[in-house]
Amino acid sequence: MRAQGTEETFIVSFMDDDSWEEQIVWVNPEQLFIEENVDFNDRSTENRQDLVRLVSIDMIQQYARLMNDLSSESELAKLKFKDRIPVGIYVFTLMGSSPVDPDRVCEILIYDSNRSAHESLINSLQSLIDSHKAELGGHQLEPNVLSTLTREAEDAFFIGIDRLPGYRHQDLTDIIEYFFIYGTAPKFLEFDQRSKYDIDRLAREIFKDGLGGQGKVDFQNQQWEDNKAGWQVLFGHENKRYFVKELNLALQRLEYPDLFSQPARAPEIEYVREDLSRFTMQQLRETHPTHYYELREEVYKRQQKDGYYRCAGTVRKSKNRFDFEIDHIKPFSNGGLTVLDNLQLLWRQENRLKGTKEH
């Protein structure tokens, strides 16, 4: 609500619990303007700057999370600033199916840590869709099928990758849905100005020259006010505090490197007394993703010949790995172990008929 003649808006919640803030999709007005009015195919200087602003707006939440926990224990804080800047972005719109289902603008930031996984997904979208033709029912993509496609895509390309600085399961769903509707992958916009935003380089200058006190403040102000450097564009003109805090964090990584060791991959749950061969593939996926990934890839490798994957139960073969599912030779329910010699590839429909689908 906004009282007439005032600049402030008051948001009144009628929700019973305290999680109402998380249930509202907050949108930056500038972000809406850029999404609706900028043609990113036009790589003019003005549009390139708009892309920087779009990236900046999406990173503000990342900054806010980081600034709330600037301890050495923060996994996000251990990453160099440049590693937290996206290498590019997918921006596309998914049209709503009804007045109560509005259009949805999707922005997917891509980082060094997940770029190759996303590229593999993009290159395999047609194969993924083709493997489920029997379930698609014409032009309709049912929610349960979309959920299955997303899970299979995540399973094939995103197990074991670093989840920082940004990974969302929903992003995969949006890309798959877009491809299904339009028959083409969304366009990737490379953030080609990424290399200029090197806060760690500035930190090295401060550290090397021994700047402190007023000298350090003067250096920071000079960099912030330098229009060619573009820090105000990336952080937003009103967010100098983020720039200063990021610079100080980069300095801390130089001064106390032992406190900021590089983050490891997602920790696996260890069950010291349990034999991994007695886990189902799904249990391995959830608790020991690295072991699951290596075992799964070895199964596919074993049953590939001349570029084709081959079904162990029929003469079927295909270059599309999504046509197959991993199955126990001796059923797990009958004491079969989850080891390489007891795993095989079965044609998807064949495995469904057998009734022992496992992922």
Protein backbone atom coordinates (compact mmCIF):
# COMPACT_ATOMS: atom_id res chain seq x y z
CA MET A 1 0.00 0.00 0.00
CA ARG A 2 1.18 3.54 -0.69
CA ALA A 3 -0.36 6.65 0.76
CA GLN A 4 -1.10 9.24 -1.89
CA GLY A 5 1.70 11.72 -2.38
CA THR A 6 4.36 9.66 -0.58
CA GLU A 7 7.37 7.80 -1.94
CA GLU A 8 7.21 4.87 0.48
CA THR A 9 5.29 1.63 0.00
CA PHE A 10 4.16 -0.51 2.93
CA ILE A 11 3.89 -4.28 2.48
CA VAL A 12 1.27 -5.85 4.72
CA SER A 13 1.44 -9.61 5.22
CA PHE A 14 -1.66 -11.68 5.93
CA MET A 15 0.29 -14.93 6.28
CA ASP A 16 0.24 -16.74 9.60
CA ASP A 17 3.83 -17.94 9.81
CA ASP A 18 7.15 -16.12 9.86
CA SER A 19 8.37 -17.41 6.50
CA TRP A 20 6.38 -14.89 4.43
CA GLU A 21 9.50 -13.07 3.23
CA GLU A 22 10.78 -16.27 1.61
CA GLN A 23 7.46 -16.86 -0.14
CA ILE A 24 7.43 -13.52 -1.98
CA VAL A 25 9.34 -13.19 -5.25
CA TRP A 26 11.08 -9.85 -4.84
CA VAL A 27 11.90 -8.16 -8.14
CA ASN A 28 14.24 -5.24 -8.72
CA PRO A 29 12.51 -2.62 -10.96
CA GLU A 30 15.75 -2.00 -12.84
CA GLN A 31 16.01 -5.72 -13.47
CA LEU A 32 12.52 -5.77 -14.98
CA PHE A 33 13.37 -2.84 -17.24
CA ILE A 34 16.57 -4.47 -18.52
CA GLU A 35 14.86 -7.82 -19.13
CA GLU A 36 12.01 -6.26 -21.10
CA ASN A 37 13.86 -3.59 -23.07
CA VAL A 38 17.41 -4.72 -23.79
CA ASP A 39 18.31 -6.68 -26.91
CA PHE A 40 21.39 -8.62 -25.85
CA ASN A 41 22.01 -9.64 -29.46
CA ASP A 42 23.09 -6.04 -29.94
CA ARG A 43 26.55 -5.92 -28.40
CA SER A 44 26.72 -2.12 -28.25
CA THR A 45 28.56 -0.47 -25.37
CA GLU A 46 25.28 0.51 -23.74
CA ASN A 47 23.84 -2.99 -23.95
CA ARG A 48 27.08 -4.54 -22.72
CA GLN A 49 26.81 -2.30 -19.67
CA ASP A 50 23.20 -3.42 -19.16
CA LEU A 51 24.42 -7.03 -19.14
CA VAL A 52 26.91 -6.08 -16.41
CA ARG A 53 24.07 -4.53 -14.42
CA LEU A 54 21.91 -7.60 -14.87
CA VAL A 55 24.73 -9.78 -13.60
CA SER A 56 25.30 -7.31 -10.76
CA ILE A 57 21.66 -7.38 -9.64
CA ASP A 58 21.69 -11.17 -9.53
CA MET A 59 24.92 -11.15 -7.53
CA ILE A 60 23.62 -8.76 -4.88
CA GLN A 61 21.95 -11.62 -3.02
CA GLN A 62 25.24 -13.48 -3.13
CA TYR A 63 27.02 -10.46 -1.64
CA ALA A 64 24.38 -10.13 1.06
CA ARG A 65 24.71 -13.81 2.05
CA LEU A 66 28.46 -13.52 2.17
CA MET A 67 28.48 -10.33 4.21
CA ASN A 68 26.21 -11.95 6.77
CA ASP A 69 28.89 -14.57 7.38
CA LEU A 70 32.37 -13.24 6.73
CA SER A 71 34.08 -15.89 8.80
CA SER A 72 36.81 -18.12 7.48
CA GLU A 73 34.35 -20.99 7.88
CA SER A 74 32.14 -19.63 5.09
CA GLU A 75 32.68 -21.81 2.02
CA LEU A 76 31.67 -18.89 -0.18
CA ALA A 77 34.32 -16.68 1.45
CA LYS A 78 37.04 -19.15 0.51
CA LEU A 79 36.42 -18.61 -3.20
CA LYS A 80 38.34 -15.88 -4.94
CA PHE A 81 36.11 -13.01 -6.01
CA LYS A 82 36.68 -13.74 -9.69
CA ASP A 83 35.47 -17.32 -9.19
CA ARG A 84 32.18 -15.92 -7.91
CA ILE A 85 31.62 -13.81 -11.02
CA PRO A 86 29.59 -15.66 -13.66
CA VAL A 87 31.19 -16.45 -17.00
CA GLY A 88 27.84 -15.79 -18.64
CA ILE A 89 24.10 -15.92 -18.30
CA TYR A 90 21.03 -17.45 -19.91
CA VAL A 91 18.09 -15.04 -20.05
CA PHE A 92 14.80 -16.27 -21.48
CA THR A 93 11.06 -16.14 -20.92
CA LEU A 94 8.73 -19.05 -20.28
CA MET A 95 5.22 -18.11 -21.32
CA GLY A 96 2.41 -18.70 -18.83
CA SER A 97 -0.32 -21.14 -19.84
CA SER A 98 -3.16 -19.08 -18.37
CA PRO A 99 -3.96 -15.71 -16.75
CA VAL A 100 -3.25 -17.23 -13.35
CA ASP A 101 0.04 -18.64 -14.63
CA PRO A 102 2.01 -15.50 -15.61
CA ASP A 103 5.04 -15.31 -17.88
CA ARG A 104 8.26 -16.08 -16.06
CA VAL A 105 11.64 -14.52 -16.88
CA CYS A 106 14.47 -16.95 -16.15
CA GLU A 107 18.00 -15.81 -15.44
CA ILE A 108 20.58 -18.54 -15.02
CA LEU A 109 24.07 -17.51 -14.01
CA ILE A 110 26.82 -19.83 -15.22
CA TYR A 111 30.16 -20.11 -13.41
CA ASP A 112 33.49 -21.75 -14.12
CA SER A 113 32.53 -24.47 -11.65
CA ASN A 114 29.46 -25.59 -13.60
CA ARG A 115 30.01 -24.33 -17.14
CA SER A 116 31.08 -27.67 -18.62
CA ALA A 117 28.13 -29.44 -16.95
CA HIS A 118 25.68 -26.95 -18.45
CA GLU A 119 27.33 -27.26 -21.87
CA SER A 120 26.93 -31.05 -21.69
CA LEU A 121 23.28 -30.61 -20.77
CA ILE A 122 22.66 -28.20 -23.65
CA ASN A 123 24.31 -30.59 -26.13
CA SER A 124 22.20 -33.51 -24.86
CA LEU A 125 18.76 -31.88 -24.62
CA GLN A 126 17.44 -33.50 -27.79
CA SER A 127 18.66 -36.92 -26.70
CA LEU A 128 17.08 -36.43 -23.29
CA ILE A 129 13.72 -35.49 -24.82
CA ASP A 130 13.88 -38.28 -27.41
CA SER A 131 14.37 -40.90 -24.72
CA HIS A 132 10.95 -40.00 -23.26
CA LYS A 133 8.89 -39.65 -26.44
CA ALA A 134 6.51 -42.38 -25.36
CA GLU A 135 5.69 -40.46 -22.17
CA LEU A 136 5.40 -36.97 -23.61
CA GLY A 137 1.91 -37.36 -25.07
CA GLY A 138 2.23 -35.01 -28.01
CA HIS A 139 3.01 -31.40 -27.18
CA GLN A 140 2.18 -31.55 -23.49
CA LEU A 141 4.98 -31.74 -20.94
CA GLU A 142 3.42 -33.05 -17.75
CA PRO A 143 4.97 -31.94 -14.44
CA ASN A 144 5.90 -35.50 -13.46
CA VAL A 145 7.70 -36.05 -16.78
CA LEU A 146 9.49 -32.71 -16.47
CA SER A 147 10.57 -33.71 -12.98
CA THR A 148 11.92 -37.01 -14.34
CA LEU A 149 13.82 -35.25 -17.14
CA THR A 150 15.36 -32.84 -14.65
CA ARG A 151 16.44 -35.62 -12.33
CA GLU A 152 18.03 -37.56 -15.20
CA ALA A 153 19.85 -34.45 -16.42
CA GLU A 154 21.15 -33.73 -12.94
CA ASP A 155 22.14 -37.36 -12.55
CA ALA A 156 24.02 -37.41 -15.85
CA PHE A 157 25.91 -34.12 -15.65
CA PHE A 158 25.79 -32.47 -12.23
CA ILE A 159 26.67 -35.20 -9.72
CA GLY A 160 29.93 -34.33 -7.96
CA ILE A 161 30.34 -30.81 -9.34
CA ASP A 162 31.07 -27.92 -7.01
CA ARG A 163 27.73 -26.39 -5.98
CA LEU A 164 29.35 -23.05 -5.19
CA PRO A 165 29.07 -20.27 -6.02
CA GLY A 166 25.72 -20.97 -7.66
CA TYR A 167 23.70 -24.04 -8.59
CA ARG A 168 19.92 -24.46 -8.61
CA HIS A 169 17.96 -27.58 -9.48
CA GLN A 170 15.20 -25.33 -10.87
CA ASP A 171 17.58 -23.92 -13.50
CA LEU A 172 17.80 -27.34 -15.15
CA THR A 173 14.02 -27.61 -15.17
CA ASP A 174 13.68 -24.20 -16.83
CA ILE A 175 16.22 -25.01 -19.55
CA ILE A 176 14.57 -28.34 -20.35
CA GLU A 177 11.10 -26.78 -20.45
CA TYR A 178 12.31 -24.00 -22.76
CA PHE A 179 13.90 -26.51 -25.13
CA PHE A 180 10.76 -28.64 -25.19
CA ILE A 181 8.57 -25.64 -26.05
CA TYR A 182 10.78 -23.91 -28.62
CA GLY A 183 12.90 -26.76 -29.96
CA THR A 184 16.12 -24.87 -29.35
CA ALA A 185 18.35 -24.17 -26.40
CA PRO A 186 18.31 -20.70 -24.81
CA LYS A 187 21.08 -18.42 -25.98
CA PHE A 188 24.14 -18.12 -23.78
CA LEU A 189 25.36 -14.56 -23.24
CA GLU A 190 29.04 -14.57 -22.37
CA PHE A 191 30.09 -12.05 -19.76
CA ASP A 192 33.15 -10.96 -21.71
CA GLN A 193 34.04 -8.18 -19.26
CA ARG A 194 34.51 -10.62 -16.41
CA SER A 195 38.32 -10.51 -16.48
CA LYS A 196 38.45 -6.79 -15.68
CA TYR A 197 36.75 -7.27 -12.31
CA ASP A 198 39.70 -8.67 -10.42
CA ILE A 199 39.45 -7.56 -6.80
CA ASP A 200 42.20 -9.98 -5.85
CA ARG A 201 44.57 -7.96 -8.08
CA LEU A 202 43.69 -4.80 -6.14
CA ALA A 203 44.26 -6.67 -2.87
CA ARG A 204 47.70 -7.76 -4.10
CA GLU A 205 48.58 -4.11 -4.84
CA ILE A 206 47.55 -3.06 -1.32
CA PHE A 207 49.42 -5.98 0.23
CA LYS A 208 52.58 -5.49 -1.86
CA ASP A 209 52.76 -1.73 -1.25
CA GLY A 210 52.00 -2.10 2.43
CA LEU A 211 49.08 0.30 2.27
CA GLY A 212 47.24 0.88 5.50
CA GLY A 213 45.30 3.59 7.26
CA GLN A 214 44.62 6.65 5.11
CA GLY A 215 46.72 5.29 2.24
CA LYS A 216 44.49 2.25 1.98
CA VAL A 217 41.33 4.36 2.18
CA ASP A 218 42.60 6.69 -0.55
CA PHE A 219 43.42 3.72 -2.81
CA GLN A 220 39.95 2.21 -2.31
CA ASN A 221 38.23 5.53 -3.02
CA GLN A 222 40.33 6.06 -6.13
CA GLN A 223 39.37 2.65 -7.51
CA TRP A 224 35.70 3.14 -6.67
CA GLU A 225 35.54 6.54 -8.37
CA ASP A 226 37.41 5.37 -11.48
CA ASN A 227 34.66 5.08 -14.11
CA LYS A 228 36.89 3.04 -16.41
CA ALA A 229 37.35 0.43 -13.68
CA GLY A 230 33.58 -0.06 -13.59
CA TRP A 231 33.23 -1.12 -9.96
CA GLN A 232 30.18 1.09 -9.44
CA VAL A 233 28.50 -0.60 -12.39
CA LEU A 234 29.14 -4.09 -11.06
CA PHE A 235 28.28 -3.41 -7.42
CA GLY A 236 25.71 -0.69 -7.96
CA HIS A 237 26.42 2.96 -7.20
CA GLU A 238 24.80 2.67 -3.78
CA ASN A 239 26.76 -0.43 -2.71
CA LYS A 240 30.26 0.84 -2.04
CA ARG A 241 30.23 -1.04 1.26
CA TYR A 242 30.11 -4.35 -0.65
CA PHE A 243 33.11 -3.30 -2.74
CA VAL A 244 35.10 -2.34 0.38
CA LYS A 245 34.17 -5.54 2.23
CA GLU A 246 35.03 -7.72 -0.77
CA LEU A 247 38.40 -5.98 -1.04
CA ASN A 248 39.09 -6.50 2.66
CA LEU A 249 38.07 -10.15 2.36
CA ALA A 250 40.53 -10.58 -0.53
CA LEU A 251 43.21 -9.03 1.68
CA GLN A 252 42.43 -11.48 4.47
CA ARG A 253 42.88 -14.37 2.05
CA LEU A 254 46.39 -13.02 1.32
CA GLU A 255 47.24 -12.32 4.95
CA TYR A 256 45.84 -15.54 6.45
CA PRO A 257 45.84 -18.16 3.65
CA ASP A 258 45.62 -21.04 6.14
CA LEU A 259 42.20 -19.80 7.25
CA PHE A 260 40.86 -19.71 3.71
CA SER A 261 41.76 -23.04 2.17
CA GLN A 262 39.91 -23.84 -1.03
CA PRO A 263 36.57 -25.56 -0.47
CA ALA A 264 36.37 -29.24 -1.18
CA ARG A 265 33.57 -30.76 -3.18
CA ALA A 266 30.29 -31.41 -1.41
CA PRO A 267 31.10 -33.60 1.60
CA GLU A 268 29.98 -37.17 1.41
CA ILE A 269 28.25 -38.90 4.30
CA GLU A 270 30.56 -41.59 5.59
CA TYR A 271 29.27 -44.87 6.95
CA VAL A 272 32.45 -46.43 8.27
CA ARG A 273 30.93 -49.74 9.29
CA GLU A 274 28.72 -50.19 6.23
CA ASP A 275 29.72 -51.80 2.97
CA LEU A 276 28.97 -49.54 -0.01
CA SER A 277 28.12 -52.59 -2.07
CA ARG A 278 25.02 -52.96 0.07
CA PHE A 279 23.73 -49.52 -0.86
CA THR A 280 21.26 -49.11 -3.70
CA MET A 281 22.33 -46.85 -6.55
CA GLN A 282 19.89 -44.22 -5.28
CA GLN A 283 21.36 -44.40 -1.79
CA LEU A 284 24.87 -44.03 -3.21
CA ARG A 285 23.73 -41.04 -5.24
CA GLU A 286 22.49 -39.31 -2.10
CA THR A 287 25.24 -40.26 0.34
CA HIS A 288 28.38 -40.96 -1.71
CA PRO A 289 27.97 -39.00 -4.97
CA THR A 290 31.59 -39.37 -6.08
CA HIS A 291 31.54 -43.16 -5.73
CA TYR A 292 28.13 -43.26 -7.41
CA TYR A 293 29.35 -41.17 -10.35
CA GLU A 294 32.48 -43.27 -10.90
CA LEU A 295 30.55 -46.56 -10.67
CA ARG A 296 27.81 -45.36 -13.04
CA GLU A 297 30.28 -44.10 -15.64
CA GLU A 298 32.17 -47.39 -15.56
CA VAL A 299 28.94 -49.32 -16.22
CA TYR A 300 28.20 -47.17 -19.26
CA LYS A 301 31.79 -47.47 -20.45
CA ARG A 302 31.71 -51.28 -20.21
CA GLN A 303 28.62 -51.56 -22.35
CA GLN A 304 29.68 -49.16 -25.07
CA LYS A 305 31.17 -50.38 -28.31
CA ASP A 306 31.78 -48.51 -31.56
CA GLY A 307 30.05 -45.47 -30.11
CA TYR A 308 26.87 -47.38 -29.20
CA TYR A 309 25.55 -48.33 -25.78
CA ARG A 310 24.11 -51.85 -25.78
CA CYS A 311 21.27 -53.38 -23.80
CA ALA A 312 22.36 -56.44 -21.82
CA GLY A 313 18.95 -58.09 -22.18
CA THR A 314 18.12 -57.41 -25.86
CA VAL A 315 19.86 -56.64 -29.14
CA ARG A 316 18.95 -52.96 -28.84
CA LYS A 317 21.68 -50.38 -29.10
CA SER A 318 21.78 -46.60 -29.17
CA LYS A 319 24.20 -43.69 -29.01
CA ASN A 320 21.78 -42.00 -26.62
CA ARG A 321 22.67 -42.94 -23.05
CA PHE A 322 19.27 -41.72 -21.86
CA ASP A 323 17.70 -44.73 -23.60
CA PHE A 324 19.18 -46.95 -20.88
CA GLU A 325 18.95 -47.49 -17.15
CA ILE A 326 21.31 -49.23 -14.75
CA ASP A 327 20.04 -52.54 -13.39
CA HIS A 328 21.30 -55.21 -11.00
CA ILE A 329 22.03 -58.55 -12.67
CA LYS A 330 21.23 -60.38 -9.45
CA PRO A 331 18.37 -58.34 -7.99
CA PHE A 332 19.27 -56.17 -5.03
CA SER A 333 16.17 -57.48 -3.24
CA ASN A 334 17.61 -61.00 -3.51
CA GLY A 335 20.99 -60.10 -2.06
CA GLY A 336 22.64 -58.76 -5.21
CA LEU A 337 25.46 -56.31 -4.51
CA THR A 338 25.95 -52.88 -6.00
CA VAL A 339 29.31 -53.65 -7.58
CA LEU A 340 30.49 -53.28 -11.16
CA ASP A 341 30.28 -56.99 -11.98
CA ASN A 342 26.65 -57.10 -10.86
CA LEU A 343 25.47 -54.02 -12.79
CA GLN A 344 24.32 -53.78 -16.38
CA LEU A 345 22.58 -51.45 -18.81
CA LEU A 346 19.04 -52.28 -19.84
CA TRP A 347 16.88 -50.59 -22.44
CA ARG A 348 14.57 -48.24 -20.55
CA GLN A 349 11.33 -50.01 -21.52
CA GLU A 350 12.91 -53.41 -20.91
CA ASN A 351 13.90 -52.37 -17.42
CA ARG A 352 10.42 -51.03 -16.69
CA LEU A 353 8.94 -54.36 -17.74
CA LYS A 354 11.37 -56.16 -15.50
CA GLY A 355 10.14 -53.97 -12.68
CA THR A 356 13.52 -53.31 -11.10
CA LYS A 357 14.22 -49.75 -12.12
CA GLU A 358 17.17 -48.34 -10.19
CA HIS A 359 18.92 -44.97 -10.38
